[in-house]
């Protein structure tokens, strides 16, 4: 029976490694298209590079561990093994080795990822090309753009001079975008897969998030943290477009917003 289990466990690293190798070349294997979405961010290659380094390190350990397990199952099958049983109290040298190696590996990863962490979490752009405020709430993304003066109105709860939208985020291409991320109620996770951006939105905090999209198009904005029974509805559609297209979109939003405000004022006056 142990022979059977050893063969079964051998299939785990074989199938696992094969699936990852096929996924790396998903253009030739469209049915296995479960790898990363297209990277459209200036910083994306840094995140992807860090991921691949960790994947290779953990992959080597995974394969070595599985092969050792298979060998022990095969070699020491209780029905076929005729070698006498040997008892050991362990090896001090071996314990030192398997303590030092993981520690050294973790230290290497900690140092290697410092540049990626700094570029995406610490080195906040001083003069961003575009700013937007996004407030997460159950179950939507509330988006606020600066008004025609290019600045956010921070007086009071309502800001009639600013531009509002829900779930439909528009940003310029080839421009540094600074997002002021907030949460209205619970923890949410602001996730832009194509831009390799993920940041928790914490109630009571305004957290800066930045990115730079390198190509136009429509992408995905989702919540990557379980925030309630309708968590799946916290999704948006980021659109990366030229600056002229973005200005036209914001102007239309502002005109519609002012028209709605005028209608409300007229209705209240009539009443």
Protein backbone atom coordinates (compact mmCIF):
# COMPACT_ATOMS: atom_id res chain seq x y z
CA UNK A 1 0.00 0.00 0.00
CA UNK A 2 2.89 2.35 0.76
CA UNK A 3 4.12 1.87 -2.83
CA UNK A 4 0.79 3.13 -4.07
CA UNK A 5 0.91 6.19 -1.83
CA UNK A 6 4.47 6.96 -2.85
CA UNK A 7 3.45 7.01 -6.52
CA UNK A 8 0.41 9.15 -5.69
CA UNK A 9 2.55 11.68 -3.81
CA UNK A 10 5.03 11.70 -6.70
CA UNK A 11 2.26 12.95 -8.98
CA UNK A 12 1.82 16.05 -6.78
CA UNK A 13 5.12 17.76 -7.68
CA UNK A 14 4.97 16.52 -11.27
CA UNK A 15 1.47 17.85 -11.97
CA UNK A 16 2.02 21.00 -9.89
CA UNK A 17 5.23 21.99 -11.66
CA UNK A 18 3.75 21.13 -15.07
CA UNK A 19 0.72 23.35 -14.51
CA UNK A 20 2.88 26.31 -13.52
CA UNK A 21 5.19 25.86 -16.52
CA UNK A 22 2.23 25.68 -18.88
CA UNK A 23 0.66 28.75 -17.26
CA UNK A 24 3.81 30.79 -17.82
CA UNK A 25 3.18 30.44 -21.55
CA UNK A 26 -0.58 30.88 -21.50
CA UNK A 27 -0.73 32.15 -25.09
CA UNK A 28 -0.05 28.62 -26.32
CA UNK A 29 -2.28 27.10 -23.65
CA UNK A 30 -5.46 29.25 -23.64
CA UNK A 31 -7.36 26.71 -21.53
CA UNK A 32 -4.81 27.23 -18.73
CA UNK A 33 -5.02 31.01 -18.74
CA UNK A 34 -4.94 31.42 -14.96
CA UNK A 35 -1.65 33.29 -14.62
CA UNK A 36 -1.32 37.01 -13.88
CA UNK A 37 -3.44 39.47 -15.89
CA UNK A 38 -1.57 41.76 -18.25
CA UNK A 39 0.74 44.20 -16.49
CA UNK A 40 -0.05 47.79 -17.50
CA UNK A 41 1.74 49.51 -14.60
CA UNK A 42 5.11 51.20 -14.49
CA UNK A 43 5.84 49.42 -11.20
CA UNK A 44 4.29 46.07 -12.14
CA UNK A 45 7.52 44.42 -13.23
CA UNK A 46 8.95 45.02 -9.75
CA UNK A 47 6.06 43.17 -8.09
CA UNK A 48 6.14 40.39 -10.67
CA UNK A 49 9.89 39.98 -10.29
CA UNK A 50 9.58 39.68 -6.52
CA UNK A 51 6.80 37.13 -6.94
CA UNK A 52 8.88 35.01 -9.31
CA UNK A 53 11.89 35.01 -6.97
CA UNK A 54 9.73 33.81 -4.07
CA UNK A 55 7.99 31.29 -6.35
CA UNK A 56 11.30 29.73 -7.44
CA UNK A 57 12.59 29.58 -3.87
CA UNK A 58 9.45 27.99 -2.49
CA UNK A 59 9.14 25.81 -5.62
CA UNK A 60 12.56 24.27 -5.09
CA UNK A 61 11.76 23.56 -1.44
CA UNK A 62 8.36 22.13 -2.40
CA UNK A 63 9.83 19.73 -4.98
CA UNK A 64 12.68 18.65 -2.69
CA UNK A 65 10.27 18.01 0.20
CA UNK A 66 7.88 16.01 -1.97
CA UNK A 67 10.71 13.90 -3.44
CA UNK A 68 12.04 13.18 0.05
CA UNK A 69 8.56 12.13 1.15
CA UNK A 70 8.19 9.85 -1.87
CA UNK A 71 11.59 8.28 -1.28
CA UNK A 72 10.87 7.56 2.39
CA UNK A 73 7.49 6.02 1.56
CA UNK A 74 9.07 3.81 -1.09
CA UNK A 75 12.27 2.93 0.74
CA UNK A 76 10.77 2.15 4.13
CA UNK A 77 7.64 0.29 3.10
CA UNK A 78 6.76 -1.86 6.09
CA UNK A 79 5.83 -4.89 3.97
CA UNK A 80 8.94 -5.02 1.82
CA UNK A 81 11.65 -3.40 3.93
CA UNK A 82 13.76 -6.03 5.69
CA UNK A 83 16.32 -3.66 7.28
CA UNK A 84 16.34 -3.63 11.08
CA UNK A 85 14.69 -0.69 12.78
CA UNK A 86 17.08 2.04 13.93
CA UNK A 87 16.23 4.61 16.57
CA UNK A 88 17.86 8.04 16.72
CA UNK A 89 17.60 11.01 19.04
CA UNK A 90 18.19 13.46 16.18
CA UNK A 91 21.18 15.25 14.74
CA UNK A 92 22.38 18.53 16.16
CA UNK A 93 24.18 19.40 12.91
CA UNK A 94 21.08 18.71 10.83
CA UNK A 95 18.93 20.83 13.13
CA UNK A 96 21.39 23.72 12.78
CA UNK A 97 21.32 23.40 8.98
CA UNK A 98 17.54 23.42 8.63
CA UNK A 99 17.34 26.36 11.04
CA UNK A 100 20.04 28.47 9.38
CA UNK A 101 18.92 27.89 5.77
CA UNK A 102 15.30 29.08 6.24
CA UNK A 103 16.53 32.04 8.31
CA UNK A 104 19.01 33.01 5.60
CA UNK A 105 16.32 32.63 2.92
CA UNK A 106 13.87 34.84 4.80
CA UNK A 107 16.61 37.43 5.38
CA UNK A 108 17.40 37.42 1.65
CA UNK A 109 13.72 37.95 0.77
CA UNK A 110 13.43 40.75 3.35
CA UNK A 111 16.38 42.60 1.79
CA UNK A 112 15.44 41.81 -1.81
CA UNK A 113 11.91 43.20 -1.44
CA UNK A 114 12.94 46.52 0.11
CA UNK A 115 13.08 48.33 -3.24
CA UNK A 116 9.66 47.00 -4.28
CA UNK A 117 8.16 48.03 -0.94
CA UNK A 118 9.72 51.50 -1.11
CA UNK A 119 8.56 52.17 -4.68
CA UNK A 120 4.97 51.13 -4.02
CA UNK A 121 4.42 52.00 -0.34
CA UNK A 122 6.96 54.55 0.90
CA UNK A 123 8.19 56.87 -1.86
CA UNK A 124 4.98 58.81 -2.25
CA UNK A 125 5.03 61.11 -5.31
CA UNK A 126 5.42 64.73 -4.26
CA UNK A 127 3.83 66.22 -7.37
CA UNK A 128 1.37 63.70 -8.81
CA UNK A 129 -0.12 64.36 -12.23
CA UNK A 130 -3.62 63.42 -11.11
CA UNK A 131 -5.38 62.96 -7.77
CA UNK A 132 -8.61 61.21 -6.87
CA UNK A 133 -10.30 60.24 -3.62
CA UNK A 134 -11.89 56.79 -3.33
CA UNK A 135 -14.08 55.87 -0.37
CA UNK A 136 -14.99 52.22 0.06
CA UNK A 137 -18.33 51.33 1.59
CA UNK A 138 -20.68 48.38 1.63
CA UNK A 139 -21.04 47.76 -1.22
CA UNK A 140 -19.48 50.20 -3.69
CA UNK A 141 -16.53 52.47 -4.43
CA UNK A 142 -17.37 56.17 -4.09
CA UNK A 143 -15.13 58.30 -6.28
CA UNK A 144 -14.43 62.03 -5.89
CA UNK A 145 -12.42 64.09 -8.36
CA UNK A 146 -11.15 67.65 -7.82
CA UNK A 147 -13.34 70.33 -9.32
CA UNK A 148 -12.37 72.74 -12.12
CA UNK A 149 -9.90 74.50 -9.78
CA UNK A 150 -7.87 71.29 -9.54
CA UNK A 151 -8.20 71.08 -5.75
CA UNK A 152 -10.42 69.12 -3.39
CA UNK A 153 -13.01 71.08 -1.42
CA UNK A 154 -12.40 70.02 2.19
CA UNK A 155 -15.04 72.19 3.88
CA UNK A 156 -18.06 70.35 5.27
CA UNK A 157 -19.44 66.93 4.39
CA UNK A 158 -20.76 67.82 0.94
CA UNK A 159 -18.45 69.32 -1.66
CA UNK A 160 -20.54 70.81 -4.50
CA UNK A 161 -17.45 72.05 -6.35
CA UNK A 162 -16.00 68.54 -6.64
CA UNK A 163 -16.98 65.83 -9.12
CA UNK A 164 -18.54 62.55 -7.97
CA UNK A 165 -19.07 59.10 -9.43
CA UNK A 166 -19.59 55.52 -8.24
CA UNK A 167 -17.51 52.49 -9.30
CA UNK A 168 -16.50 54.13 -12.61
CA UNK A 169 -12.91 55.27 -12.13
CA UNK A 170 -11.19 57.24 -14.91
CA UNK A 171 -7.47 58.11 -14.84
CA UNK A 172 -4.97 59.43 -17.39
CA UNK A 173 -2.42 57.25 -19.16
CA UNK A 174 1.32 57.80 -18.64
CA UNK A 175 0.63 59.93 -15.57
CA UNK A 176 1.35 59.44 -11.88
CA UNK A 177 -2.01 58.94 -10.17
CA UNK A 178 -2.34 59.48 -6.43
CA UNK A 179 -5.37 57.88 -4.79
CA UNK A 180 -6.55 59.05 -1.37
CA UNK A 181 -8.07 55.83 -0.07
CA UNK A 182 -10.69 55.82 2.70
CA UNK A 183 -13.34 53.52 4.14
CA UNK A 184 -16.80 54.52 5.28
CA UNK A 185 -17.60 51.49 7.41
CA UNK A 186 -15.43 48.34 7.59
CA UNK A 187 -12.11 47.05 6.24
CA UNK A 188 -12.01 46.78 2.46
CA UNK A 189 -9.11 45.89 0.16
CA UNK A 190 -8.54 48.14 -2.86
CA UNK A 191 -7.22 45.83 -5.60
CA UNK A 192 -6.24 46.73 -9.17
CA UNK A 193 -4.86 43.45 -10.60
CA UNK A 194 -3.59 44.89 -13.87
CA UNK A 195 -1.79 47.68 -12.04
CA UNK A 196 -0.42 45.37 -9.33
CA UNK A 197 -1.95 47.57 -6.62
CA UNK A 198 -3.49 46.22 -3.43
CA UNK A 199 -4.09 48.26 -0.29
CA UNK A 200 -6.43 47.84 2.67
CA UNK A 201 -8.90 50.68 3.22
CA UNK A 202 -9.09 51.29 6.97
CA UNK A 203 -11.95 53.23 8.64
CA UNK A 204 -10.74 56.53 10.08
CA UNK A 205 -7.61 56.66 7.90
CA UNK A 206 -6.76 58.28 4.57
CA UNK A 207 -4.10 56.12 2.92
CA UNK A 208 -2.11 57.24 -0.15
CA UNK A 209 -1.93 54.80 -3.06
CA UNK A 210 -0.19 55.57 -6.32
CA UNK A 211 0.39 54.03 -9.73
CA UNK A 212 1.20 54.91 -13.32
CA UNK A 213 -0.65 53.14 -16.13
CA UNK A 214 1.31 52.62 -19.34
CA UNK A 215 -1.56 51.80 -21.71
CA UNK A 216 -5.19 52.72 -22.22
CA UNK A 217 -8.10 50.39 -21.75
CA UNK A 218 -10.69 49.13 -19.28
CA UNK A 219 -9.60 46.98 -16.37
CA UNK A 220 -10.86 45.61 -13.04
CA UNK A 221 -11.27 47.12 -9.59
CA UNK A 222 -12.33 44.69 -6.89
CA UNK A 223 -12.38 44.34 -3.12
CA UNK A 224 -9.91 41.65 -2.09
CA UNK A 225 -11.10 41.50 1.52
CA UNK A 226 -14.30 39.87 2.75
CA UNK A 227 -16.37 42.88 3.81
CA UNK A 228 -19.89 41.48 4.13
CA UNK A 229 -22.54 39.32 2.55
CA UNK A 230 -22.52 41.36 -0.67
CA UNK A 231 -18.75 41.58 -0.88
CA UNK A 232 -18.87 40.37 -4.48
CA UNK A 233 -20.67 43.58 -5.49
CA UNK A 234 -17.77 45.83 -4.48
CA UNK A 235 -16.38 46.00 -7.98
CA UNK A 236 -15.58 48.84 -10.34
CA UNK A 237 -14.35 49.52 -13.82
CA UNK A 238 -11.16 51.61 -14.03
CA UNK A 239 -10.67 53.23 -17.42
CA UNK A 240 -7.24 54.47 -18.47
CA UNK A 241 -7.51 57.07 -21.22
CA UNK A 242 -5.78 60.06 -22.74
CA UNK A 243 -5.90 63.35 -20.89
CA UNK A 244 -8.24 64.92 -23.44
CA UNK A 245 -10.67 62.01 -23.11
CA UNK A 246 -10.47 62.24 -19.34
CA UNK A 247 -11.13 66.00 -19.34
CA UNK A 248 -14.18 65.47 -21.56
CA UNK A 249 -15.47 62.74 -19.23
CA UNK A 250 -15.02 64.90 -16.12
CA UNK A 251 -16.71 67.85 -17.84
CA UNK A 252 -19.73 65.71 -18.66
CA UNK A 253 -19.90 64.47 -15.07
CA UNK A 254 -19.72 68.04 -13.80
CA UNK A 255 -22.41 69.26 -16.21
CA UNK A 256 -24.73 66.40 -15.23
CA UNK A 257 -24.05 67.05 -11.56
CA UNK A 258 -24.81 70.78 -11.85
CA UNK A 259 -27.96 70.06 -13.83
CA UNK A 260 -29.14 67.68 -11.11
CA UNK A 261 -28.36 70.27 -8.42
CA UNK A 262 -30.27 72.94 -10.33
CA UNK A 263 -33.28 70.65 -10.68
CA UNK A 264 -33.24 69.89 -6.96
CA UNK A 265 -33.04 73.58 -6.05
CA UNK A 266 -35.92 74.41 -8.42
CA UNK A 267 -38.06 71.61 -7.01
CA UNK A 268 -37.40 72.69 -3.43
CA UNK A 269 -38.26 76.30 -4.30
CA UNK A 270 -41.58 75.26 -5.87
CA UNK A 271 -42.49 73.26 -2.80
